[in-house]
Protein backbone atom coordinates (compact mmCIF):
# COMPACT_ATOMS: atom_id res chain seq x y z
CA MET A 1 8.05 -13.25 -79.92
CA LYS A 2 7.82 -12.15 -76.14
CA ILE A 3 7.42 -15.44 -73.53
CA GLU A 4 6.05 -14.35 -70.09
CA ILE A 5 6.38 -17.24 -67.38
CA SER A 6 4.66 -16.85 -64.39
CA LYS A 7 6.45 -17.46 -60.46
CA THR A 8 4.03 -20.41 -60.05
CA ALA A 9 4.82 -22.19 -63.43
CA LEU A 10 8.00 -22.06 -62.40
CA VAL A 11 8.30 -23.34 -59.17
CA ALA A 12 5.71 -26.38 -60.67
CA GLY A 13 8.21 -26.80 -63.45
CA PHE A 14 11.27 -27.40 -60.60
CA PHE A 15 9.45 -29.78 -58.74
CA SER A 16 8.21 -31.44 -61.97
CA ALA A 17 11.96 -31.71 -62.35
CA ALA A 18 13.18 -32.85 -58.90
CA VAL A 19 10.78 -35.59 -58.66
CA PRO A 20 12.02 -37.85 -61.24
CA ALA A 21 15.35 -36.78 -61.11
CA PHE A 22 15.41 -38.16 -57.36
CA GLY A 23 13.06 -40.73 -58.32
CA GLN A 24 16.12 -41.81 -60.81
CA SER A 25 18.55 -41.49 -58.10
CA GLY A 26 15.95 -43.76 -56.33
CA SER A 27 13.15 -44.14 -53.85
CA GLU A 28 14.95 -43.38 -50.96
CA GLY A 29 15.93 -40.10 -51.49
CA SER A 30 12.26 -39.17 -52.97
CA SER A 31 10.63 -40.15 -49.93
CA PHE A 32 12.97 -38.34 -47.59
CA LEU A 33 12.11 -35.15 -49.43
CA LEU A 34 8.46 -35.82 -49.22
CA ILE A 35 8.54 -36.60 -45.85
CA GLY A 36 10.49 -33.36 -44.91
CA LEU A 37 8.08 -31.33 -47.03
CA ILE A 38 5.08 -32.69 -44.75
CA SER A 39 7.04 -31.92 -41.95
CA VAL A 40 7.89 -28.88 -42.13
CA ALA A 41 4.30 -28.00 -43.48
CA VAL A 42 3.04 -29.69 -40.45
CA LEU A 43 5.50 -27.62 -38.04
CA VAL A 44 4.38 -23.86 -39.56
CA LEU A 45 0.94 -24.78 -39.14
CA LEU A 46 1.22 -26.05 -35.41
CA ALA A 47 3.24 -22.83 -34.89
CA VAL A 48 0.44 -20.73 -36.13
CA LEU A 49 -2.15 -22.45 -33.98
CA LEU A 50 -0.19 -21.82 -31.05
CA GLN A 51 0.62 -18.82 -32.04
CA VAL A 52 -3.32 -17.33 -32.42
CA SER A 53 -4.17 -19.70 -29.42
CA ASP A 54 -1.60 -17.84 -27.21
CA ASN A 55 -2.44 -14.86 -28.70
CA LEU A 56 -6.41 -15.41 -27.44
CA LEU A 57 -5.78 -16.51 -24.43
CA ALA A 58 -4.00 -13.06 -23.78
CA ILE A 59 -7.11 -11.26 -24.82
CA GLU A 60 -8.96 -13.18 -22.59
CA ALA A 61 -7.11 -12.48 -19.72
CA ARG A 62 -7.09 -8.77 -20.61
CA GLN A 63 -10.68 -8.56 -21.17
CA THR A 64 -11.70 -10.22 -17.92
CA GLY A 65 -9.12 -8.84 -15.80
CA ALA A 66 -7.43 -12.12 -14.87
CA ASP A 67 -4.26 -10.88 -16.22
CA ARG A 68 -3.87 -8.45 -13.23
CA SER A 69 -3.26 -11.33 -10.46
CA GLY A 70 0.21 -11.47 -12.48
CA ALA A 71 0.18 -15.09 -13.76
CA ASN A 72 1.25 -15.76 -16.79
CA PHE A 73 -2.07 -16.82 -19.14
CA SER A 74 0.50 -17.74 -22.42
CA LEU A 75 1.15 -20.84 -23.66
CA PHE A 76 4.67 -20.42 -23.34
CA PRO A 77 7.00 -19.52 -19.66
CA ARG A 78 8.34 -16.13 -19.53
CA LEU A 79 12.35 -15.68 -19.29
CA ALA A 80 11.26 -14.36 -15.72
CA GLU A 81 9.72 -17.44 -14.76
CA ILE A 82 12.40 -20.09 -16.38
CA PHE A 83 15.04 -18.44 -13.88
CA ARG A 84 13.19 -16.59 -10.89
CA PRO A 85 13.23 -18.28 -7.52
CA ALA A 86 10.85 -21.33 -6.43
CA LYS A 87 8.08 -20.42 -3.79
CA PRO A 88 8.41 -20.31 -0.01
CA ALA A 89 9.26 -23.89 1.33
CA PHE A 90 6.11 -22.83 3.84
CA LEU A 91 3.66 -22.39 0.33
CA SER A 92 2.53 -24.92 -1.49
CA GLU A 93 -0.63 -24.70 -4.02
CA GLU A 94 -1.21 -21.07 -3.17
CA THR A 95 -1.20 -18.33 -5.71
CA VAL A 96 1.17 -16.02 -5.38
CA TYR A 97 1.27 -12.08 -6.66
CA ARG A 98 4.97 -11.22 -8.23
CA LEU A 99 5.27 -7.95 -8.43
CA ARG A 100 7.97 -7.01 -10.89
CA ARG A 101 7.69 -3.40 -10.34
CA GLY A 102 9.21 -1.16 -7.16
CA HIS A 103 12.16 -0.40 -5.62
CA ASP A 104 13.12 -0.95 -1.88
CA ILE A 105 15.07 1.42 0.14
CA ASN A 106 17.07 0.04 2.61
CA LEU A 107 17.57 2.95 5.37
CA ALA A 108 19.74 2.93 8.57
CA GLY A 109 17.70 3.25 11.94
CA LYS A 110 15.98 -0.12 11.88
CA PRO A 111 15.24 -1.74 15.54
CA GLU A 112 17.83 -4.44 16.41
CA SER A 113 15.87 -5.91 19.15
CA THR A 114 12.05 -7.24 18.73
CA THR A 115 11.43 -6.85 22.27
CA ILE A 116 8.83 -4.41 22.86
CA GLN A 117 9.37 -2.32 25.40
CA GLU A 118 7.26 -0.55 27.78
CA MET A 119 6.92 3.42 27.63
CA LYS A 120 5.23 6.10 29.57
CA VAL A 121 4.00 8.73 27.40
CA GLY A 122 2.59 11.63 29.27
CA THR A 123 0.26 13.37 26.75
CA PHE A 124 -1.98 12.62 23.97
CA ALA A 125 -3.73 14.14 20.93
CA LEU A 126 -6.97 13.22 19.09
CA GLN A 127 -6.70 15.37 15.15
CA PRO A 128 -9.30 16.33 13.29
CA PRO A 129 -7.44 17.11 10.22
CA ASN A 130 -6.17 13.18 10.65
CA PHE A 131 -9.51 12.35 8.88
CA ILE A 132 -10.08 13.20 5.22
CA GLY A 133 -12.98 15.43 4.30
CA MET A 134 -14.31 16.57 8.29
CA MET A 135 -15.15 19.91 8.65
CA PRO A 136 -11.84 22.25 10.22
CA ILE A 137 -13.96 22.95 13.41
CA PRO A 138 -15.89 19.89 14.19
CA LYS A 139 -18.23 19.98 17.39
CA ILE A 140 -16.02 19.85 20.94
CA LEU A 141 -17.71 18.02 23.52
CA VAL A 142 -15.39 18.89 25.98
CA GLU A 143 -13.54 21.17 27.68
CA GLU A 144 -10.16 22.09 29.04
CA GLY A 145 -9.82 20.56 32.89
CA GLN A 146 -12.14 18.30 32.46
CA SER A 147 -11.55 14.50 32.93
CA VAL A 148 -12.67 11.61 30.60
CA LYS A 149 -11.76 8.04 30.34
CA ALA A 150 -10.62 6.29 27.39
CA GLY A 151 -13.71 5.52 25.21
CA ASP A 152 -15.45 8.82 26.04
CA PRO A 153 -16.94 11.30 23.33
CA ILE A 154 -14.75 13.96 22.41
CA MET A 155 -15.98 15.20 19.10
CA PHE A 156 -18.20 14.62 16.23
CA ASP A 157 -18.11 16.54 12.87
CA LYS A 158 -21.18 18.67 11.96
CA SER A 159 -21.26 16.97 8.42
CA ARG A 160 -22.14 13.63 10.12
CA PRO A 161 -22.38 14.30 13.83
CA GLU A 162 -23.43 10.32 14.24
CA ILE A 163 -19.64 9.38 14.16
CA GLN A 164 -18.14 9.37 17.63
CA HIS A 165 -14.67 10.18 17.88
CA VAL A 166 -13.74 8.88 21.35
CA ALA A 167 -10.64 9.50 23.87
CA PRO A 168 -7.50 7.37 22.95
CA VAL A 169 -6.76 7.61 26.97
CA SER A 170 -8.15 8.72 30.36
CA GLY A 171 -6.91 11.76 31.92
CA GLU A 172 -7.64 15.41 32.10
CA VAL A 173 -8.03 17.46 28.36
CA ILE A 174 -4.98 19.81 28.91
CA ALA A 175 -5.46 21.88 25.88
CA ILE A 176 -7.71 23.02 22.34
CA ASN A 177 -5.36 23.81 20.15
CA ARG A 178 -6.72 25.44 17.02
CA GLY A 179 -4.76 25.84 13.93
CA ALA A 180 -5.61 28.46 10.87
CA LYS A 181 -8.68 30.30 10.79
CA ARG A 182 -9.51 29.27 14.21
CA SER A 183 -9.96 25.34 13.09
CA ILE A 184 -8.97 22.84 15.75
CA ALA A 185 -6.13 21.29 15.13
CA GLU A 186 -5.59 18.88 18.34
CA VAL A 187 -7.24 17.53 21.22
CA VAL A 188 -4.58 17.26 23.92
CA ILE A 189 -4.75 14.59 27.09
CA LEU A 190 -3.06 14.63 29.93
CA ALA A 191 -2.80 10.66 30.60
CA ASP A 192 -3.49 9.20 34.07
CA LYS A 193 -1.02 7.01 35.34
CA GLU A 194 -3.55 4.18 35.49
CA GLN A 195 -5.62 4.03 32.74
CA GLN A 196 -9.66 3.83 32.93
CA TYR A 197 -12.04 3.05 30.22
CA ARG A 198 -14.94 3.67 29.87
CA LYS A 199 -16.99 0.38 29.81
CA LEU A 200 -18.84 -0.61 26.59
CA PRO A 201 -22.20 -2.42 26.79
CA ALA A 202 -22.39 -5.76 26.40
CA PHE A 203 -23.07 -6.49 21.98
CA ASP A 204 -23.34 -9.75 20.47
CA TYR A 205 -22.63 -9.21 16.74
CA GLU A 206 -23.35 -12.86 15.71
CA LYS A 207 -27.12 -12.55 16.91
CA LYS A 208 -27.40 -8.82 15.90
CA SER A 209 -28.20 -7.25 12.37
CA ARG A 210 -25.83 -5.43 10.57
CA GLU A 211 -28.18 -2.30 11.20
CA GLU A 212 -27.79 -2.62 14.74
CA LEU A 213 -24.05 -3.48 15.08
CA VAL A 214 -23.64 0.04 12.90
CA LYS A 215 -25.51 1.93 15.30
CA TYR A 216 -22.99 0.52 18.04
CA LEU A 217 -19.85 1.30 16.01
CA LEU A 218 -20.66 4.49 15.39
CA GLU A 219 -21.49 5.60 19.08
CA ASN A 220 -18.54 4.09 20.55
CA GLY A 221 -15.71 5.24 18.81
CA GLY A 222 -15.41 2.17 16.23
CA TRP A 223 -16.50 3.86 12.91
CA THR A 224 -13.52 6.21 13.02
CA LEU A 225 -11.24 2.52 12.16
CA PHE A 226 -12.20 2.35 9.05
CA ARG A 227 -11.37 4.43 5.90
CA GLN A 228 -13.16 4.19 2.17
CA ARG A 229 -11.80 4.04 -1.16
CA PRO A 230 -11.87 6.04 -3.18
CA TYR A 231 -10.33 9.10 -1.29
CA ASN A 232 -9.16 7.74 2.00
CA VAL A 233 -12.46 9.11 3.90
CA LEU A 234 -13.99 7.81 6.66
CA ALA A 235 -16.44 4.82 5.53
CA ASP A 236 -19.87 5.63 4.19
CA LEU A 237 -22.83 5.14 6.88
CA GLU A 238 -25.33 3.99 4.25
CA GLU A 239 -23.50 1.91 1.91
CA ALA A 240 -22.23 -1.51 2.75
CA PRO A 241 -18.83 -1.80 1.05
CA ALA A 242 -17.82 -4.32 -1.36
CA ASN A 243 -15.18 -5.52 -0.07
CA ILE A 244 -12.83 -5.29 2.91
CA PHE A 245 -8.98 -5.24 2.76
CA ILE A 246 -6.25 -5.41 5.34
CA SER A 247 -2.29 -5.91 4.38
CA THR A 248 -0.35 -7.97 7.05
CA PHE A 249 2.71 -7.10 6.31
CA ASP A 250 4.55 -3.57 5.32
CA THR A 251 7.32 -2.83 2.64
CA ALA A 252 7.73 1.23 3.53
CA PRO A 253 11.42 2.07 4.73
CA LEU A 254 11.79 1.35 8.38
CA ALA A 255 8.20 0.01 8.98
CA PRO A 256 7.24 -2.13 11.72
CA ASP A 257 7.09 -6.00 11.52
CA LEU A 258 3.58 -6.86 11.96
CA ASN A 259 4.03 -9.97 12.62
CA LEU A 260 5.40 -8.96 16.70
CA VAL A 261 2.71 -6.16 16.56
CA VAL A 262 0.08 -8.86 16.55
CA GLU A 263 1.61 -11.50 18.96
CA GLY A 264 -0.77 -12.24 21.81
CA ARG A 265 -3.43 -10.20 20.40
CA GLY A 266 -4.72 -13.05 17.97
CA GLU A 267 -8.30 -13.42 20.17
CA ALA A 268 -8.77 -9.67 19.37
CA PHE A 269 -7.79 -9.79 15.92
CA GLN A 270 -9.53 -12.83 14.81
CA ALA A 271 -12.59 -10.82 16.72
CA GLY A 272 -12.21 -7.80 14.50
CA LEU A 273 -11.89 -9.42 11.27
CA ASN A 274 -15.90 -11.58 12.55
CA VAL A 275 -17.29 -8.26 12.98
CA LEU A 276 -15.60 -7.00 9.17
CA GLY A 277 -17.51 -9.90 8.11
CA LYS A 278 -20.70 -8.91 9.29
CA LEU A 279 -20.30 -5.41 7.52
CA THR A 280 -19.06 -6.15 4.44
CA SER A 281 -21.64 -7.16 1.42
CA GLY A 282 -18.41 -9.05 -0.24
CA SER A 283 -15.36 -10.49 1.43
CA VAL A 284 -12.54 -9.39 4.11
CA HIS A 285 -9.40 -9.67 2.17
CA LEU A 286 -5.92 -10.61 3.47
CA GLY A 287 -2.68 -9.59 2.40
CA LEU A 288 0.24 -12.24 3.03
CA ASP A 289 3.76 -11.70 3.16
CA ALA A 290 5.38 -14.59 0.67
CA ARG A 291 8.79 -12.03 0.00
CA GLY A 292 11.23 -14.98 2.01
CA GLU A 293 11.54 -17.93 3.80
CA THR A 294 10.06 -16.69 7.35
CA VAL A 295 6.46 -17.65 7.68
CA PRO A 296 4.32 -15.32 9.02
CA SER A 297 2.25 -15.06 12.25
CA GLU A 298 -0.12 -17.90 12.63
CA ILE A 299 -2.69 -15.39 13.64
CA PHE A 300 -2.69 -14.03 10.16
CA THR A 301 -1.86 -17.49 8.70
CA GLN A 302 -4.65 -18.98 10.24
CA ALA A 303 -6.94 -16.63 10.35
CA GLU A 304 -10.88 -17.43 9.51
CA ASN A 305 -13.46 -16.01 7.34
CA VAL A 306 -11.12 -14.38 5.09
CA GLN A 307 -9.67 -15.17 1.71
CA LYS A 308 -5.78 -14.92 2.14
CA HIS A 309 -3.71 -13.38 -0.74
CA TRP A 310 0.19 -13.64 -0.99
CA PHE A 311 1.99 -11.11 -2.51
CA SER A 312 6.20 -11.22 -3.19
CA GLY A 313 7.75 -8.44 -4.90
CA LYS A 314 9.82 -4.90 -3.61
CA HIS A 315 8.17 -2.09 -1.95
CA PRO A 316 4.83 -0.77 -2.78
CA ALA A 317 3.94 -4.82 -2.23
CA GLY A 318 2.75 -4.00 1.01
CA ASN A 319 0.18 -1.63 0.37
CA VAL A 320 -3.10 -1.96 0.35
CA GLY A 321 -3.61 0.03 -2.69
CA VAL A 322 -1.66 -2.13 -4.56
CA GLN A 323 -3.23 -5.44 -3.31
CA ILE A 324 -6.85 -3.89 -3.88
CA HIS A 325 -5.56 -3.46 -7.69
CA HIS A 326 -4.43 -6.98 -7.89
CA ILE A 327 -7.35 -8.61 -6.32
CA ALA A 328 -10.59 -6.51 -7.06
CA PRO A 329 -10.06 -3.55 -8.73
CA ILE A 330 -11.87 -0.55 -7.70
CA GLY A 331 -14.21 0.09 -10.40
CA ASP A 332 -16.83 3.76 -11.19
CA GLY A 333 -19.17 3.14 -8.68
CA THR A 334 -17.16 0.62 -6.35
CA LYS A 335 -16.32 1.27 -2.61
CA VAL A 336 -14.13 -0.70 -0.54
CA TRP A 337 -12.72 -0.52 3.29
CA THR A 338 -9.62 -0.72 4.60
CA LEU A 339 -7.83 -1.01 7.96
CA GLY A 340 -4.43 -1.92 9.13
CA VAL A 341 -3.70 -4.43 11.62
CA GLN A 342 -3.77 -2.85 14.71
CA GLU A 343 -6.94 -1.10 14.00
CA VAL A 344 -8.57 -4.53 13.33
CA ILE A 345 -7.42 -5.35 16.80
CA THR A 346 -8.65 -1.84 18.38
CA LEU A 347 -11.82 -3.17 16.90
CA GLY A 348 -11.95 -6.64 18.04
CA ALA A 349 -10.97 -5.88 21.55
CA MET A 350 -14.60 -3.57 22.12
CA PHE A 351 -16.00 -7.46 21.93
CA THR A 352 -13.60 -9.28 23.50
CA GLU A 353 -12.58 -6.38 26.43
CA GLY A 354 -15.69 -4.39 26.72
CA ARG A 355 -13.57 -1.46 26.18
CA TYR A 356 -11.93 0.96 23.39
CA ASN A 357 -8.40 -0.22 23.62
CA ALA A 358 -6.06 1.94 21.77
CA GLU A 359 -3.20 0.57 22.46
CA ARG A 360 -0.39 0.76 19.84
CA VAL A 361 3.08 -0.95 19.31
CA ILE A 362 4.92 2.18 17.69
CA ALA A 363 8.67 1.55 15.87
CA VAL A 364 10.63 4.80 16.85
CA THR A 365 13.29 4.57 13.77
CA GLY A 366 15.24 6.84 11.76
CA ASN A 367 19.19 7.34 11.56
CA GLU A 368 18.80 10.05 14.10
CA ILE A 369 17.32 8.05 17.29
CA SER A 370 20.12 6.35 19.21
CA GLU A 371 18.61 3.30 20.26
CA PRO A 372 15.94 2.36 17.34
CA LYS A 373 13.05 0.68 19.24
CA TYR A 374 9.65 -0.82 19.06
CA VAL A 375 7.51 1.02 21.75
CA ARG A 376 3.91 -0.29 23.76
CA THR A 377 2.67 2.89 23.90
CA MET A 378 -1.33 4.56 23.21
CA LEU A 379 -2.91 6.01 19.82
CA GLY A 380 -1.62 9.55 19.26
CA ALA A 381 1.16 9.61 21.32
CA SER A 382 3.78 12.59 21.91
CA ILE A 383 6.61 12.73 19.52
CA ALA A 384 8.33 14.54 22.41
CA ASP A 385 8.24 11.85 24.78
CA LEU A 386 8.79 9.20 22.42
CA THR A 387 12.30 10.49 21.46
CA LYS A 388 13.19 12.08 24.95
CA ASP A 389 16.80 11.12 25.59
CA ASN A 390 17.19 9.50 22.49
CA LEU A 391 18.34 11.87 20.03
CA ARG A 392 21.41 11.88 18.11
CA SER A 393 20.83 15.54 17.72
CA ASP A 394 18.15 18.11 17.47
CA HIS A 395 18.66 19.63 13.88
CA VAL A 396 16.09 16.79 12.87
CA ARG A 397 12.79 16.12 10.25
CA TYR A 398 10.17 14.13 12.75
CA ILE A 399 8.15 12.32 10.15
CA SER A 400 4.62 10.53 11.76
CA GLY A 401 5.10 7.34 9.42
CA ASP A 402 7.47 6.43 6.85
CA VAL A 403 10.45 9.02 5.07
CA LEU A 404 8.16 8.41 1.61
CA SER A 405 4.42 9.06 3.01
CA GLY A 406 4.44 10.71 6.42
CA GLU A 407 3.74 13.54 7.39
CA GLN A 408 6.22 16.23 9.11
CA LYS A 409 5.85 16.93 12.37
CA ALA A 410 6.78 19.73 15.16
CA GLY A 411 9.19 18.63 18.15
CA LYS A 412 6.28 19.15 20.36
CA GLY A 413 3.57 17.43 18.02
CA TYR A 414 2.18 13.94 18.27
CA LEU A 415 1.65 10.76 16.19
CA ASN A 416 -1.39 10.70 13.43
CA PHE A 417 -4.29 8.21 13.88
CA TYR A 418 -3.33 5.61 11.31
CA ASP A 419 0.21 5.53 11.97
CA ASP A 420 2.20 3.38 13.97
CA GLN A 421 5.92 4.72 13.14
CA LEU A 422 8.22 7.68 14.32
CA THR A 423 11.06 8.39 11.49
CA VAL A 424 13.95 10.74 12.70
CA ILE A 425 16.29 11.92 9.82
CA LYS A 426 18.74 14.65 9.20
CA GLU A 427 17.25 17.80 7.98
CA GLY A 428 18.96 18.64 4.90
CA ASP A 429 19.17 22.16 4.55
CA TYR A 430 22.32 22.07 2.99
CA PHE A 431 23.62 23.05 -0.85
CA GLU A 432 26.30 20.76 -2.67
CA LEU A 433 28.67 21.99 -5.06
CA PHE A 434 28.19 21.04 -8.48
CA GLY A 435 25.40 18.30 -6.85
CA TRP A 436 25.40 15.28 -8.66
CA LEU A 437 28.30 15.74 -11.17
CA ILE A 438 30.39 14.60 -7.95
CA PRO A 439 30.26 10.88 -6.84
CA GLY A 440 30.70 11.86 -3.50
CA LYS A 441 28.75 9.95 -0.66
CA PHE A 442 26.63 6.81 -1.55
CA ARG A 443 23.17 7.83 -1.11
CA PRO A 444 19.63 6.03 -1.98
CA THR A 445 18.93 6.25 -6.03
CA VAL A 446 16.69 4.35 -8.45
CA SER A 447 19.00 4.88 -11.23
CA ARG A 448 22.73 3.80 -11.77
CA SER A 449 24.07 7.48 -11.37
CA TYR A 450 26.17 6.07 -7.92
CA PRO A 451 28.09 3.01 -7.85
CA ASN A 452 26.64 1.95 -4.38
CA TYR A 453 23.61 0.48 -6.59
CA LEU A 454 26.19 -2.85 -6.48
CA PHE A 455 25.77 -3.25 -2.98
CA LYS A 456 22.00 -4.29 -2.85
CA SER A 457 22.43 -4.88 1.37
CA MET A 458 23.88 -1.51 2.02
CA GLU A 459 22.21 0.89 4.44
CA TYR A 460 21.92 4.94 4.04
CA GLU A 461 21.44 7.62 6.43
CA ALA A 462 18.71 9.47 4.63
CA ASP A 463 18.46 13.25 4.72
CA THR A 464 15.57 15.95 3.60
CA ASN A 465 17.46 17.15 1.15
CA THR A 466 16.17 16.87 -2.58
CA HIS A 467 19.51 17.06 -4.48
CA GLY A 468 17.80 19.65 -6.88
CA GLU A 469 15.26 22.11 -7.46
CA LYS A 470 11.88 22.21 -9.21
CA ARG A 471 12.00 21.15 -13.11
CA ALA A 472 10.03 20.91 -15.89
CA PHE A 473 7.78 18.16 -15.38
CA VAL A 474 8.66 15.88 -18.09
CA VAL A 475 7.93 12.38 -19.23
CA THR A 476 10.50 9.94 -18.01
CA GLY A 477 8.75 6.89 -17.32
CA GLU A 478 10.24 6.96 -13.95
CA TYR A 479 6.94 6.78 -12.46
CA GLU A 480 5.69 3.29 -14.32
CA ALA A 481 8.78 1.08 -13.13
CA MET A 482 7.98 2.30 -9.36
CA LEU A 483 4.14 1.57 -9.59
CA PRO A 484 3.40 -2.47 -9.85
CA MET A 485 -0.16 -1.34 -10.89
CA ASP A 486 -2.24 -1.18 -14.25
CA VAL A 487 -1.92 3.13 -14.25
CA TYR A 488 -0.26 5.61 -15.58
CA PRO A 489 0.73 7.74 -13.19
CA GLN A 490 2.21 10.67 -15.41
CA HIS A 491 -0.63 10.92 -17.29
CA LEU A 492 -2.97 10.79 -14.61
CA LEU A 493 -1.56 13.99 -12.59
CA LYS A 494 -1.22 15.49 -15.89
CA ALA A 495 -4.98 15.53 -15.87
CA ILE A 496 -5.21 16.59 -12.20
CA LEU A 497 -3.04 19.52 -13.27
CA ILE A 498 -5.89 20.71 -15.90
CA ASN A 499 -8.54 19.68 -14.23
CA ASP A 500 -10.05 17.28 -16.97
CA PHE A 501 -12.41 14.77 -15.14
CA GLU A 502 -13.15 12.29 -17.64
CA ARG A 503 -9.19 11.79 -18.09
CA MET A 504 -8.81 11.57 -14.47
CA GLU A 505 -11.64 8.73 -14.11
CA GLY A 506 -10.27 6.66 -17.23
CA LEU A 507 -6.64 6.91 -16.07
CA GLY A 508 -7.39 5.03 -12.75
CA ILE A 509 -7.73 8.28 -9.59
CA TYR A 510 -10.06 5.84 -8.13
CA GLU A 511 -7.74 3.07 -7.58
CA VAL A 512 -4.82 4.89 -6.06
CA VAL A 513 -3.84 7.94 -2.88
CA GLU A 514 -0.87 9.11 -1.79
CA GLU A 515 0.77 6.27 -0.06
CA ASP A 516 0.59 4.81 -3.56
CA LEU A 517 2.50 7.43 -5.23
CA ALA A 518 4.84 8.33 -2.72
CA LEU A 519 7.55 6.08 -4.20
CA CYS A 520 6.83 7.83 -7.82
CA GLU A 521 7.47 10.84 -5.73
CA PHE A 522 10.92 9.60 -4.69
CA ALA A 523 11.93 8.69 -8.35
CA CYS A 524 10.95 11.63 -9.90
CA THR A 525 13.42 13.72 -11.71
CA SER A 526 11.28 16.75 -12.12
CA LYS A 527 11.06 16.92 -7.95
CA GLN A 528 7.18 17.10 -8.43
CA PRO A 529 4.75 17.40 -5.27
CA LEU A 530 3.22 14.36 -6.55
CA GLN A 531 1.30 13.14 -3.57
CA GLN A 532 -0.08 16.82 -2.79
CA ILE A 533 -1.23 17.06 -6.68
CA LEU A 534 -3.29 13.58 -6.15
CA ARG A 535 -4.91 14.98 -3.12
CA GLU A 536 -5.42 17.90 -4.91
CA GLY A 537 -7.24 15.82 -7.89
CA LEU A 538 -8.87 13.19 -5.21
CA ASP A 539 -10.50 16.29 -3.44
CA LEU A 540 -11.50 17.92 -6.36
CA MET A 541 -13.62 14.46 -7.53
CA ARG A 542 -14.88 13.99 -4.34
CA ALA A 543 -16.42 17.41 -4.44
CA GLN A 544 -18.06 17.12 -7.71
CA GLY A 545 -19.41 13.63 -6.47
């Protein structure tokens, strides 16, 4: 006769036999076993409760978007939090957005001196291509040979004639240069030795309505200082932005120190912030630098009528687009404005000085500059004048902006409207035998293919050589490691290439502009022109409305 015994019966039999056995050995052993079993059960139950609670917190943080701040919403500390350095000493209760992704490129050619030199530049230019979306042939209001004052109207877009583009300097209009298909490339002004300014009418923005303030800025050149996201175009006239964002530090290679730029301009900067507060239906947000132990300028830290946010991390932590993503991400239909620090100063000076003051502090940088330095000049300065008698060789690449997102310029060209940096590096039109297979000289890289990654403080002499040809657009995961945003760049770029509008929207095209993906392009194994692809996608989405 076959007898079947269940597992439950076996376990019950074991405990029924074990308890009397312990009881026979003494009541003390039985008590220890019972206490041990209860303790294990309590610990298991507690672990389950903690894990479920931790998962629920993570889900709630993800649904509300709170996890974008980089804060830890888990019940348990991260390993990185245990070993990461403490906050800078000058911060106490402030929340710091710690961005873990990105990469710093340490290039040779930084200004050694923080002294700002006065520089006489002969010619300046206003360039219509600097304004994305502007018609290629705007209405020009001046003629060659005509004299203008700083702040005089020069041109306007025929599709938006309300927005006046004004002269950055006083002097004589000496050229109206044309580009492809008769488009206007630049309006060139030979500057006066002593600058003359068009006197702006007095305007008390505190007592005026937003509509009156908008009209004043449109007529006097102030509106061109505002760029709107998505698309990075000139701001919409009809709709107030949800928020306005300003980054007070720049992490791009060889970027200028904005603490130097703002020195002595505190009144104009604060006035600019006050004006911006009148233009938005939300708040003005200031991104502050928490990367080191040096306290940012008091003009930034003591600014009023703004919300301050501290960021630390590698490049692109200083990009305003990255900061927007972590503070208040751009959703479908959301419009926000951005300005640089020097644009805010120009805006404020319209009210504190009663003039359009387009003064700029420019960082002249790069390993092909004999003496990298800071110079004080005006918006749209001549590159030839900025580099006169200061080049190591004549076989160089001029870049308006930084090496990652700047625009190539001719030696007789002009700095772009929104740029405060000129970079000059070697032209890389040479070939390497076996390329990366031979260790060769040290070069900047995001991988560990070269031993120089061990030397974090090493400076590199950059050139324009791509060290390889264009290749298949393969998935490598490199882009995601470079971009501290909840965006999948490679998937987004492939959606752009096939004109998949819905996927482009879903993958976050409204949140990024070229400078946000510039580091991804540097790291790209496939040598793809990522910024160009993104701009094509943005223009396509804008054309679709």
